[in-house]
Amino acid sequence: MTRNEYYKSDQWREIALQVKKRDKFTCTKCGAKNCRLNVHHLHYRLLFNEHKDLTCLTTLCEPCHRETHGLPAESTWQEIEEQMKRVFGPKG
């Protein structure tokens, strides 16, 4: 399973929901609520196995998530995907 396939899986959706609930549906960086939230990996050592330790994940609003990845807050998801390809390779 590729990273992109994993992020569309029921397993990831359940993990992401658990993390957002834990963080009270609030961005842990800026405190934003009632906005689109993403679950961010603090490290990738448990990629595909995050369920073993949810502390490797945190909740971020989209602007904070983009800035955390070193991109401007107004970056497009295409730009973010290009950065992820540089990290994980083209097949993700």
Protein backbone atom coordinates (compact mmCIF):
# COMPACT_ATOMS: atom_id res chain seq x y z
CA MET A 1 0.00 0.00 0.00
CA THR A 2 1.36 3.42 -0.90
CA ARG A 3 1.24 6.40 1.44
CA ASN A 4 -1.53 7.97 -0.66
CA GLU A 5 -3.59 4.77 -0.55
CA TYR A 6 -3.06 4.53 3.20
CA TYR A 7 -4.30 8.09 3.76
CA LYS A 8 -7.55 7.12 1.99
CA SER A 9 -8.01 3.94 4.04
CA ASP A 10 -10.52 3.32 6.80
CA GLN A 11 -7.59 2.55 9.13
CA TRP A 12 -6.11 6.04 8.65
CA ARG A 13 -9.51 7.73 8.90
CA GLU A 14 -10.10 6.06 12.28
CA ILE A 15 -6.63 7.01 13.55
CA ALA A 16 -7.10 10.60 12.38
CA LEU A 17 -10.47 10.81 14.11
CA GLN A 18 -8.96 9.52 17.37
CA VAL A 19 -6.21 12.14 17.20
CA LYS A 20 -8.64 14.98 16.44
CA LYS A 21 -10.86 13.88 19.34
CA ARG A 22 -7.86 13.71 21.67
CA ASP A 23 -6.89 17.24 20.63
CA LYS A 24 -10.50 18.44 21.06
CA PHE A 25 -10.78 19.27 17.34
CA THR A 26 -8.36 22.16 17.90
CA CYS A 27 -5.13 23.08 16.11
CA THR A 28 -2.36 22.33 18.59
CA LYS A 29 -0.21 25.11 17.12
CA CYS A 30 -2.53 28.14 16.89
CA GLY A 31 -5.66 27.00 18.73
CA ALA A 32 -7.97 27.32 15.73
CA LYS A 33 -11.32 25.53 15.90
CA ASN A 34 -14.24 25.14 13.52
CA CYS A 35 -11.97 24.90 10.50
CA ARG A 36 -10.50 22.20 8.29
CA LEU A 37 -8.08 20.19 10.43
CA ASN A 38 -5.31 17.83 9.35
CA VAL A 39 -3.46 15.18 11.31
CA HIS A 40 0.30 15.75 11.13
CA HIS A 41 3.08 13.24 11.73
CA LEU A 42 5.63 14.55 14.21
CA HIS A 43 7.93 11.89 12.75
CA TYR A 44 7.46 9.07 10.23
CA ARG A 45 9.01 6.21 12.19
CA LEU A 46 5.56 4.69 12.75
CA LEU A 47 4.13 5.37 9.30
CA PHE A 48 1.43 2.72 8.68
CA ASN A 49 1.62 1.77 12.38
CA GLU A 50 0.56 4.98 14.10
CA HIS A 51 -2.08 3.06 16.06
CA LYS A 52 0.79 1.76 18.24
CA ASP A 53 1.54 5.27 19.55
CA LEU A 54 -0.79 8.15 18.73
CA THR A 55 1.63 10.62 20.36
CA CYS A 56 3.51 10.62 17.03
CA LEU A 57 0.55 12.57 15.60
CA THR A 58 -0.96 15.99 16.26
CA THR A 59 -3.85 18.05 14.93
CA LEU A 60 -3.11 21.14 12.84
CA CYS A 61 -5.28 23.54 10.87
CA GLU A 62 -4.43 23.63 7.17
CA PRO A 63 -2.39 26.89 7.30
CA CYS A 64 -0.32 25.64 10.27
CA HIS A 65 0.13 22.25 8.60
CA ARG A 66 1.47 23.90 5.45
CA GLU A 67 3.79 26.18 7.43
CA THR A 68 5.03 23.18 9.44
CA HIS A 69 6.09 21.59 6.15
CA GLY A 70 7.97 24.77 5.24
CA LEU A 71 5.40 26.00 2.75
CA PRO A 72 3.50 29.29 2.73
CA ALA A 73 0.11 29.09 4.44
CA GLU A 74 -1.58 29.71 1.09
CA SER A 75 0.22 26.82 -0.67
CA THR A 76 -1.85 24.54 -2.84
CA TRP A 77 -2.17 20.83 -2.09
CA GLN A 78 -0.32 20.18 -5.34
CA GLU A 79 2.71 22.02 -3.91
CA ILE A 80 2.44 20.02 -0.71
CA GLU A 81 2.19 16.77 -2.68
CA GLU A 82 5.34 17.71 -4.61
CA GLN A 83 7.18 18.23 -1.32
CA MET A 84 5.95 14.87 -0.03
CA LYS A 85 7.22 13.19 -3.21
CA ARG A 86 10.66 14.64 -2.46
CA VAL A 87 10.49 13.10 1.02
CA PHE A 88 8.92 9.72 0.19
CA GLY A 89 9.72 9.27 -3.50
CA PRO A 90 7.36 9.45 -6.47
CA LYS A 91 5.26 6.39 -5.49
CA GLY A 92 4.73 7.70 -1.96
